[in-house]
Amino acid sequence: MPLTPAGTDVRHRTHAAVAAILRCVRRRALLAISIACLMAAGCGSGEVHRISAWDSGPPYIPPPEPTRGATAKHATAASGQAPKSGRGAPTDAEVQRELDQAFGTRGGRAIDAAGLSAGGRATIPPAAPSRVAAIINAANSVARKPYVYGGGHGRLADETFVDTAYDCSGSVSFALAAAGLVDSPLDSTALARFGRPGRGRWVTIYANAGHAFMTVAGLRFDTSGRDAGGSRWQAASRTVAGFVVRHPPGL
């Protein structure tokens, strides 16, 4: 039976609907296959996948300059200085030689010279022997004591050296006794015969029948200087004409 135009149109619509259904089925099948492949690859499975780090190797550090040591040696040679030997502390003679070169012979003796404080007391130089330090400390304790004739010579009962005031030889004797150099106070005449003749390395005594004073590490310890600043210690020198010059043995 031949189809009518209306039947033909129905057939065409049927074929189009079937084709659409097939296309939908194919898309769903492809989607299912894709999901299965992703699951097979482990996506969403919880497994941790690490990304390989880029191995760049250690950083490049250039080697030290090969001429640095030679340059330092050339600089030392050019300056005229001897390289350090690493043998330890310098000797006293080396230190003294360096001081003489830096400051001259007079300045190089600075480590032997006592200083004078604002209070009129002497400071102990670094190189001073223990007996010189004892003399300076004792002299400091009586440096500002008043002057009285016979002071320090046992004028107080039961006291040999200790006094409230001192004369010239009494204060000198007190300082010498602190270093164990005298056993009893000496007057100026006795001090003119004390020790050995001439100037000493650290201590020099100047004495005659009427007066006595001494120098210790370059400072003058003299009762007559009290009128200037109230202390027996004086930085200024004075005439020594008419005085006998003596010094303690070894000092």
C-alpha atoms as a PDB file:
ATOM      1  CA  MET A   1       0.000   0.000   0.000  1.00  0.00           C
ATOM      2  CA  PRO A   2       1.555   3.246  -1.065  1.00  0.00           C
ATOM      3  CA  LEU A   3       2.347   5.799   1.651  1.00  0.00           C
ATOM      4  CA  THR A   4       0.569   9.052   1.719  1.00  0.00           C
ATOM      5  CA  PRO A   5       2.433  12.299   2.197  1.00  0.00           C
ATOM      6  CA  ALA A   6       1.323  12.341   5.804  1.00  0.00           C
ATOM      7  CA  GLY A   7       2.717   8.830   6.328  1.00  0.00           C
ATOM      8  CA  THR A   8       6.021   9.861   4.822  1.00  0.00           C
ATOM      9  CA  ASP A   9       6.341  12.759   7.267  1.00  0.00           C
ATOM     10  CA  VAL A  10       5.662  10.452  10.203  1.00  0.00           C
ATOM     11  CA  ARG A  11       8.370   8.110   9.048  1.00  0.00           C
ATOM     12  CA  HIS A  12      10.897  10.885   8.756  1.00  0.00           C
ATOM     13  CA  ARG A  13      10.134  12.118  12.291  1.00  0.00           C
ATOM     14  CA  THR A  14      10.520   8.567  13.608  1.00  0.00           C
ATOM     15  CA  HIS A  15      13.911   8.145  11.978  1.00  0.00           C
ATOM     16  CA  ALA A  16      15.076  11.521  13.433  1.00  0.00           C
ATOM     17  CA  ALA A  17      13.945  10.525  16.936  1.00  0.00           C
ATOM     18  CA  VAL A  18      15.791   7.215  16.700  1.00  0.00           C
ATOM     19  CA  ALA A  19      18.943   8.989  15.518  1.00  0.00           C
ATOM     20  CA  ALA A  20      18.708  11.426  18.422  1.00  0.00           C
ATOM     21  CA  ILE A  21      18.293   8.570  20.882  1.00  0.00           C
ATOM     22  CA  LEU A  22      21.348   6.818  19.430  1.00  0.00           C
ATOM     23  CA  ARG A  23      23.455   9.974  19.668  1.00  0.00           C
ATOM     24  CA  CYS A  24      22.464  10.413  23.324  1.00  0.00           C
ATOM     25  CA  VAL A  25      23.324   6.804  24.046  1.00  0.00           C
ATOM     26  CA  ARG A  26      26.723   7.212  22.370  1.00  0.00           C
ATOM     27  CA  ARG A  27      27.494  10.373  24.402  1.00  0.00           C
ATOM     28  CA  ARG A  28      26.599   8.651  27.662  1.00  0.00           C
ATOM     29  CA  ALA A  29      28.721   5.669  26.676  1.00  0.00           C
ATOM     30  CA  LEU A  30      31.691   7.922  25.913  1.00  0.00           C
ATOM     31  CA  LEU A  31      31.218   9.746  29.243  1.00  0.00           C
ATOM     32  CA  ALA A  32      31.129   6.438  31.110  1.00  0.00           C
ATOM     33  CA  ILE A  33      34.261   5.275  29.339  1.00  0.00           C
ATOM     34  CA  SER A  34      36.053   8.543  30.187  1.00  0.00           C
ATOM     35  CA  ILE A  35      35.114   8.300  33.869  1.00  0.00           C
ATOM     36  CA  ALA A  36      36.304   4.704  33.953  1.00  0.00           C
ATOM     37  CA  CYS A  37      39.635   5.723  32.457  1.00  0.00           C
ATOM     38  CA  LEU A  38      40.085   8.521  35.001  1.00  0.00           C
ATOM     39  CA  MET A  39      39.293   6.171  37.873  1.00  0.00           C
ATOM     40  CA  ALA A  40      41.734   3.657  36.477  1.00  0.00           C
ATOM     41  CA  ALA A  41      44.372   6.412  36.434  1.00  0.00           C
ATOM     42  CA  GLY A  42      43.771   7.041  40.131  1.00  0.00           C
ATOM     43  CA  CYS A  43      42.091  10.448  39.976  1.00  0.00           C
ATOM     44  CA  GLY A  44      40.157  11.032  43.171  1.00  0.00           C
ATOM     45  CA  SER A  45      41.374   7.800  44.688  1.00  0.00           C
ATOM     46  CA  GLY A  46      43.168   9.545  47.580  1.00  0.00           C
ATOM     47  CA  GLU A  47      46.645   8.413  46.501  1.00  0.00           C
ATOM     48  CA  VAL A  48      49.316  11.145  46.828  1.00  0.00           C
ATOM     49  CA  HIS A  49      51.206  11.812  43.627  1.00  0.00           C
ATOM     50  CA  ARG A  50      54.551  13.594  44.132  1.00  0.00           C
ATOM     51  CA  ILE A  51      56.019  15.957  41.605  1.00  0.00           C
ATOM     52  CA  SER A  52      59.694  15.316  41.066  1.00  0.00           C
ATOM     53  CA  ALA A  53      61.830  18.251  42.282  1.00  0.00           C
ATOM     54  CA  TRP A  54      64.188  19.936  39.903  1.00  0.00           C
ATOM     55  CA  ASP A  55      67.689  18.926  40.978  1.00  0.00           C
ATOM     56  CA  SER A  56      69.722  22.107  40.527  1.00  0.00           C
ATOM     57  CA  GLY A  57      72.825  20.874  42.395  1.00  0.00           C
ATOM     58  CA  PRO A  58      74.801  22.780  45.100  1.00  0.00           C
ATOM     59  CA  PRO A  59      75.384  26.528  44.611  1.00  0.00           C
ATOM     60  CA  TYR A  60      78.606  27.536  42.961  1.00  0.00           C
ATOM     61  CA  ILE A  61      81.140  29.098  45.371  1.00  0.00           C
ATOM     62  CA  PRO A  62      84.190  30.622  43.713  1.00  0.00           C
ATOM     63  CA  PRO A  63      87.581  29.615  45.132  1.00  0.00           C
ATOM     64  CA  PRO A  64      89.627  32.152  47.196  1.00  0.00           C
ATOM     65  CA  GLU A  65      91.965  34.451  45.399  1.00  0.00           C
ATOM     66  CA  PRO A  66      95.256  32.634  45.034  1.00  0.00           C
ATOM     67  CA  THR A  67      97.300  35.838  45.395  1.00  0.00           C
ATOM     68  CA  ARG A  68      95.820  37.017  48.727  1.00  0.00           C
ATOM     69  CA  GLY A  69      98.564  35.485  50.896  1.00  0.00           C
ATOM     70  CA  ALA A  70     101.268  36.745  48.597  1.00  0.00           C
ATOM     71  CA  THR A  71      99.736  40.233  48.595  1.00  0.00           C
ATOM     72  CA  ALA A  72      99.739  40.324  52.429  1.00  0.00           C
ATOM     73  CA  LYS A  73     103.391  39.262  52.481  1.00  0.00           C
ATOM     74  CA  HIS A  74     104.314  41.942  49.951  1.00  0.00           C
ATOM     75  CA  ALA A  75     102.428  44.569  51.994  1.00  0.00           C
ATOM     76  CA  THR A  76     104.261  43.538  55.168  1.00  0.00           C
ATOM     77  CA  ALA A  77     107.591  43.673  53.381  1.00  0.00           C
ATOM     78  CA  ALA A  78     106.785  47.083  51.926  1.00  0.00           C
ATOM     79  CA  SER A  79     105.906  48.476  55.350  1.00  0.00           C
ATOM     80  CA  GLY A  80     109.223  47.361  56.784  1.00  0.00           C
ATOM     81  CA  GLN A  81     107.541  45.397  59.588  1.00  0.00           C
ATOM     82  CA  ALA A  82     108.623  41.906  60.516  1.00  0.00           C
ATOM     83  CA  PRO A  83     105.892  39.246  60.279  1.00  0.00           C
ATOM     84  CA  LYS A  84     104.498  37.888  63.507  1.00  0.00           C
ATOM     85  CA  SER A  85     106.360  34.846  64.652  1.00  0.00           C
ATOM     86  CA  GLY A  86     103.625  33.517  66.934  1.00  0.00           C
ATOM     87  CA  ARG A  87     106.169  32.682  69.627  1.00  0.00           C
ATOM     88  CA  GLY A  88     104.220  34.278  72.477  1.00  0.00           C
ATOM     89  CA  ALA A  89     104.430  37.500  74.483  1.00  0.00           C
ATOM     90  CA  PRO A  90     107.320  39.902  73.794  1.00  0.00           C
ATOM     91  CA  THR A  91     110.146  40.212  76.286  1.00  0.00           C
ATOM     92  CA  ASP A  92     110.673  43.259  78.500  1.00  0.00           C
ATOM     93  CA  ALA A  93     113.608  44.294  76.325  1.00  0.00           C
ATOM     94  CA  GLU A  94     111.440  44.150  73.187  1.00  0.00           C
ATOM     95  CA  VAL A  95     108.711  46.222  74.832  1.00  0.00           C
ATOM     96  CA  GLN A  96     111.249  48.799  75.996  1.00  0.00           C
ATOM     97  CA  ARG A  97     112.788  48.948  72.523  1.00  0.00           C
ATOM     98  CA  GLU A  98     109.363  49.550  70.936  1.00  0.00           C
ATOM     99  CA  LEU A  99     108.589  52.284  73.476  1.00  0.00           C
ATOM    100  CA  ASP A 100     111.924  53.952  72.769  1.00  0.00           C
ATOM    101  CA  GLN A 101     111.203  53.874  69.045  1.00  0.00           C
ATOM    102  CA  ALA A 102     107.684  55.251  69.478  1.00  0.00           C
ATOM    103  CA  PHE A 103     108.261  57.925  72.111  1.00  0.00           C
ATOM    104  CA  GLY A 104     112.020  58.313  72.424  1.00  0.00           C
ATOM    105  CA  THR A 105     114.128  57.198  75.363  1.00  0.00           C
ATOM    106  CA  ARG A 106     112.484  59.594  77.799  1.00  0.00           C
ATOM    107  CA  GLY A 107     108.943  58.675  76.785  1.00  0.00           C
ATOM    108  CA  GLY A 108     109.828  54.999  76.802  1.00  0.00           C
ATOM    109  CA  ARG A 109     110.435  55.205  80.560  1.00  0.00           C
ATOM    110  CA  ALA A 110     106.775  56.067  81.147  1.00  0.00           C
ATOM    111  CA  ILE A 111     106.103  52.639  82.637  1.00  0.00           C
ATOM    112  CA  ASP A 112     108.651  53.471  85.370  1.00  0.00           C
ATOM    113  CA  ALA A 113     107.241  56.893  86.266  1.00  0.00           C
ATOM    114  CA  ALA A 114     104.747  57.512  89.066  1.00  0.00           C
ATOM    115  CA  GLY A 115     101.833  59.817  88.404  1.00  0.00           C
ATOM    116  CA  LEU A 116     100.316  62.449  90.681  1.00  0.00           C
ATOM    117  CA  SER A 117      96.581  62.427  91.342  1.00  0.00           C
ATOM    118  CA  ALA A 118      94.430  65.505  91.830  1.00  0.00           C
ATOM    119  CA  GLY A 119      94.363  64.696  95.552  1.00  0.00           C
ATOM    120  CA  GLY A 120      98.132  64.951  95.831  1.00  0.00           C
ATOM    121  CA  ARG A 121      98.886  61.236  96.020  1.00  0.00           C
ATOM    122  CA  ALA A 122     101.263  59.214  93.871  1.00  0.00           C
ATOM    123  CA  THR A 123     100.232  56.401  91.563  1.00  0.00           C
ATOM    124  CA  ILE A 124     102.301  53.238  91.343  1.00  0.00           C
ATOM    125  CA  PRO A 125     103.957  52.753  87.931  1.00  0.00           C
ATOM    126  CA  PRO A 126     103.315  49.405  86.202  1.00  0.00           C
ATOM    127  CA  ALA A 127     106.966  48.304  86.292  1.00  0.00           C
ATOM    128  CA  ALA A 128     107.583  49.193  89.941  1.00  0.00           C
ATOM    129  CA  PRO A 129     108.949  46.444  92.244  1.00  0.00           C
ATOM    130  CA  SER A 130     106.887  45.486  95.286  1.00  0.00           C
ATOM    131  CA  ARG A 131     109.133  47.411  97.679  1.00  0.00           C
ATOM    132  CA  VAL A 132     108.696  50.583  95.621  1.00  0.00           C
ATOM    133  CA  ALA A 133     104.931  50.053  95.681  1.00  0.00           C
ATOM    134  CA  ALA A 134     105.078  49.679  99.477  1.00  0.00           C
ATOM    135  CA  ILE A 135     107.053  52.940  99.801  1.00  0.00           C
ATOM    136  CA  ILE A 136     104.543  54.815  97.628  1.00  0.00           C
ATOM    137  CA  ASN A 137     101.528  53.448  99.495  1.00  0.00           C
ATOM    138  CA  ALA A 138     103.014  54.362 102.876  1.00  0.00           C
ATOM    139  CA  ALA A 139     104.057  57.813 101.687  1.00  0.00           C
ATOM    140  CA  ASN A 140     100.532  58.399 100.371  1.00  0.00           C
ATOM    141  CA  SER A 141      99.102  57.685 103.837  1.00  0.00           C
ATOM    142  CA  VAL A 142     101.132  60.528 105.390  1.00  0.00           C
ATOM    143  CA  ALA A 143     101.453  62.807 102.358  1.00  0.00           C
ATOM    144  CA  ARG A 144      98.889  65.298 103.658  1.00  0.00           C
ATOM    145  CA  LYS A 145      99.632  64.983 107.362  1.00  0.00           C
ATOM    146  CA  PRO A 146     100.591  68.242 109.119  1.00  0.00           C
ATOM    147  CA  TYR A 147     104.204  69.128 109.795  1.00  0.00           C
ATOM    148  CA  VAL A 148     105.572  69.097 113.330  1.00  0.00           C
ATOM    149  CA  TYR A 149     109.197  68.965 114.396  1.00  0.00           C
ATOM    150  CA  GLY A 150     110.017  65.485 115.728  1.00  0.00           C
ATOM    151  CA  GLY A 151     106.855  63.974 114.232  1.00  0.00           C
ATOM    152  CA  GLY A 152     107.218  60.309 113.400  1.00  0.00           C
ATOM    153  CA  HIS A 153     110.206  59.839 115.720  1.00  0.00           C
ATOM    154  CA  GLY A 154     108.359  58.305 118.668  1.00  0.00           C
ATOM    155  CA  ARG A 155     107.160  61.510 120.310  1.00  0.00           C
ATOM    156  CA  LEU A 156     103.860  59.773 121.143  1.00  0.00           C
ATOM    157  CA  ALA A 157     103.858  57.185 123.912  1.00  0.00           C
ATOM    158  CA  ASP A 158     104.108  53.571 122.765  1.00  0.00           C
ATOM    159  CA  GLU A 159     104.395  54.626 119.104  1.00  0.00           C
ATOM    160  CA  THR A 160     107.520  54.328 116.967  1.00  0.00           C
ATOM    161  CA  PHE A 161     106.501  55.427 113.457  1.00  0.00           C
ATOM    162  CA  VAL A 162     102.784  56.215 113.726  1.00  0.00           C
ATOM    163  CA  ASP A 163     102.008  59.846 114.469  1.00  0.00           C
ATOM    164  CA  THR A 164      99.417  62.512 113.811  1.00  0.00           C
ATOM    165  CA  ALA A 165     102.023  64.799 112.209  1.00  0.00           C
ATOM    166  CA  TYR A 166     105.485  64.297 110.696  1.00  0.00           C
ATOM    167  CA  ASP A 167     108.651  66.226 110.080  1.00  0.00           C
ATOM    168  CA  CYS A 168     110.807  65.747 106.971  1.00  0.00           C
ATOM    169  CA  SER A 169     112.924  62.791 108.111  1.00  0.00           C
ATOM    170  CA  GLY A 170     110.037  61.239 110.040  1.00  0.00           C
ATOM    171  CA  SER A 171     107.865  60.982 106.917  1.00  0.00           C
ATOM    172  CA  VAL A 172     110.747  59.607 104.827  1.00  0.00           C
ATOM    173  CA  SER A 173     111.569  57.037 107.548  1.00  0.00           C
ATOM    174  CA  PHE A 174     107.907  55.994 107.752  1.00  0.00           C
ATOM    175  CA  ALA A 175     107.787  55.251 103.999  1.00  0.00           C
ATOM    176  CA  LEU A 176     111.099  53.363 104.054  1.00  0.00           C
ATOM    177  CA  ALA A 177     109.968  51.273 107.023  1.00  0.00           C
ATOM    178  CA  ALA A 178     106.899  50.081 105.097  1.00  0.00           C
ATOM    179  CA  ALA A 179     109.279  48.411 102.625  1.00  0.00           C
ATOM    180  CA  GLY A 180     111.344  46.864 105.424  1.00  0.00           C
ATOM    181  CA  LEU A 181     114.341  49.127 104.755  1.00  0.00           C
ATOM    182  CA  VAL A 182     114.663  50.649 108.242  1.00  0.00           C
ATOM    183  CA  ASP A 183     113.824  49.335 111.709  1.00  0.00           C
ATOM    184  CA  SER A 184     113.565  52.690 113.510  1.00  0.00           C
ATOM    185  CA  PRO A 185     113.063  56.343 112.486  1.00  0.00           C
ATOM    186  CA  LEU A 186     116.191  58.107 111.191  1.00  0.00           C
ATOM    187  CA  ASP A 187     116.844  61.814 111.416  1.00  0.00           C
ATOM    188  CA  SER A 188     118.236  63.739 108.445  1.00  0.00           C
ATOM    189  CA  THR A 189     121.856  63.293 109.571  1.00  0.00           C
ATOM    190  CA  ALA A 190     121.387  59.518 109.802  1.00  0.00           C
ATOM    191  CA  LEU A 191     119.681  59.474 106.392  1.00  0.00           C
ATOM    192  CA  ALA A 192     122.755  61.151 104.906  1.00  0.00           C
ATOM    193  CA  ARG A 193     124.641  57.949 105.804  1.00  0.00           C
ATOM    194  CA  PHE A 194     121.873  55.522 104.898  1.00  0.00           C
ATOM    195  CA  GLY A 195     122.200  52.928 102.127  1.00  0.00           C
ATOM    196  CA  ARG A 196     124.648  53.403  99.313  1.00  0.00           C
ATOM    197  CA  PRO A 197     126.040  56.549  97.691  1.00  0.00           C
ATOM    198  CA  GLY A 198     124.577  58.014  94.510  1.00  0.00           C
ATOM    199  CA  ARG A 199     121.204  57.971  92.864  1.00  0.00           C
ATOM    200  CA  GLY A 200     119.092  54.857  92.836  1.00  0.00           C
ATOM    201  CA  ARG A 201     117.125  53.255  90.024  1.00  0.00           C
ATOM    202  CA  TRP A 202     113.813  53.860  91.819  1.00  0.00           C
ATOM    203  CA  VAL A 203     114.500  55.672  95.088  1.00  0.00           C
ATOM    204  CA  THR A 204     117.002  58.450  95.816  1.00  0.00           C
ATOM    205  CA  ILE A 205     117.408  60.119  99.227  1.00  0.00           C
ATOM    206  CA  TYR A 206     118.738  63.651  99.617  1.00  0.00           C
ATOM    207  CA  ALA A 207     119.804  64.568 103.143  1.00  0.00           C
ATOM    208  CA  ASN A 208     121.984  66.924 105.185  1.00  0.00           C
ATOM    209  CA  ALA A 209     122.085  68.069 108.787  1.00  0.00           C
ATOM    210  CA  GLY A 210     118.994  70.228 108.422  1.00  0.00           C
ATOM    211  CA  HIS A 211     116.638  68.569 105.930  1.00  0.00           C
ATOM    212  CA  ALA A 212     115.831  65.302 104.108  1.00  0.00           C
ATOM    213  CA  PHE A 213     113.587  64.349 101.222  1.00  0.00           C
ATOM    214  CA  MET A 214     113.525  61.674  98.537  1.00  0.00           C
ATOM    215  CA  THR A 215     112.388  60.984  94.982  1.00  0.00           C
ATOM    216  CA  VAL A 216     110.426  57.829  94.182  1.00  0.00           C
ATOM    217  CA  ALA A 217     109.770  56.785  90.578  1.00  0.00           C
ATOM    218  CA  GLY A 218     110.357  60.339  89.424  1.00  0.00           C
ATOM    219  CA  LEU A 219     108.207  62.154  92.037  1.00  0.00           C
ATOM    220  CA  ARG A 220     109.619  64.219  94.891  1.00  0.00           C
ATOM    221  CA  PHE A 221     108.446  63.400  98.421  1.00  0.00           C
ATOM    222  CA  ASP A 222     109.312  66.499 100.405  1.00  0.00           C
ATOM    223  CA  THR A 223     107.730  68.151 103.460  1.00  0.00           C
ATOM    224  CA  SER A 224     108.722  71.581 102.135  1.00  0.00           C
ATOM    225  CA  GLY A 225     106.326  71.093  99.216  1.00  0.00           C
ATOM    226  CA  ARG A 226     103.219  71.040 101.411  1.00  0.00           C
ATOM    227  CA  ASP A 227     102.846  74.799 101.205  1.00  0.00           C
ATOM    228  CA  ALA A 228     102.234  74.608  97.440  1.00  0.00           C
ATOM    229  CA  GLY A 229      99.420  72.051  97.255  1.00  0.00           C
ATOM    230  CA  GLY A 230      98.992  70.524 100.698  1.00  0.00           C
ATOM    231  CA  SER A 231     100.849  67.323  99.829  1.00  0.00           C
ATOM    232  CA  ARG A 232     104.424  66.155 100.335  1.00  0.00           C
ATOM    233  CA  TRP A 233     104.354  64.729  96.797  1.00  0.00           C
ATOM    234  CA  GLN A 234     105.613  67.185  94.199  1.00  0.00           C
ATOM    235  CA  ALA A 235     106.108  66.809  90.453  1.00  0.00           C
ATOM    236  CA  ALA A 236     108.525  69.751  90.244  1.00  0.00           C
ATOM    237  CA  SER A 237     112.193  69.281  91.036  1.00  0.00           C
ATOM    238  CA  ARG A 238     114.265  71.465  93.384  1.00  0.00           C
ATOM    239  CA  THR A 239     117.926  72.267  93.883  1.00  0.00           C
ATOM    240  CA  VAL A 240     119.933  69.520  95.517  1.00  0.00           C
ATOM    241  CA  ALA A 241     123.022  71.599  96.198  1.00  0.00           C
ATOM    242  CA  GLY A 242     124.408  70.864  99.671  1.00  0.00           C
ATOM    243  CA  PHE A 243     122.670  67.484  99.967  1.00  0.00           C
ATOM    244  CA  VAL A 244     124.248  64.061 100.268  1.00  0.00           C
ATOM    245  CA  VAL A 245     122.802  61.669  97.674  1.00  0.00           C
ATOM    246  CA  ARG A 246     122.043  58.095  98.786  1.00  0.00           C
ATOM    247  CA  HIS A 247     119.808  55.231  97.732  1.00  0.00           C
ATOM    248  CA  PRO A 248     118.478  51.994  99.274  1.00  0.00           C
ATOM    249  CA  PRO A 249     120.398  48.878  98.151  1.00  0.00           C
ATOM    250  CA  GLY A 250     118.777  47.316  95.093  1.00  0.00           C
ATOM    251  CA  LEU A 251     116.500  50.266  94.444  1.00  0.00           C
END
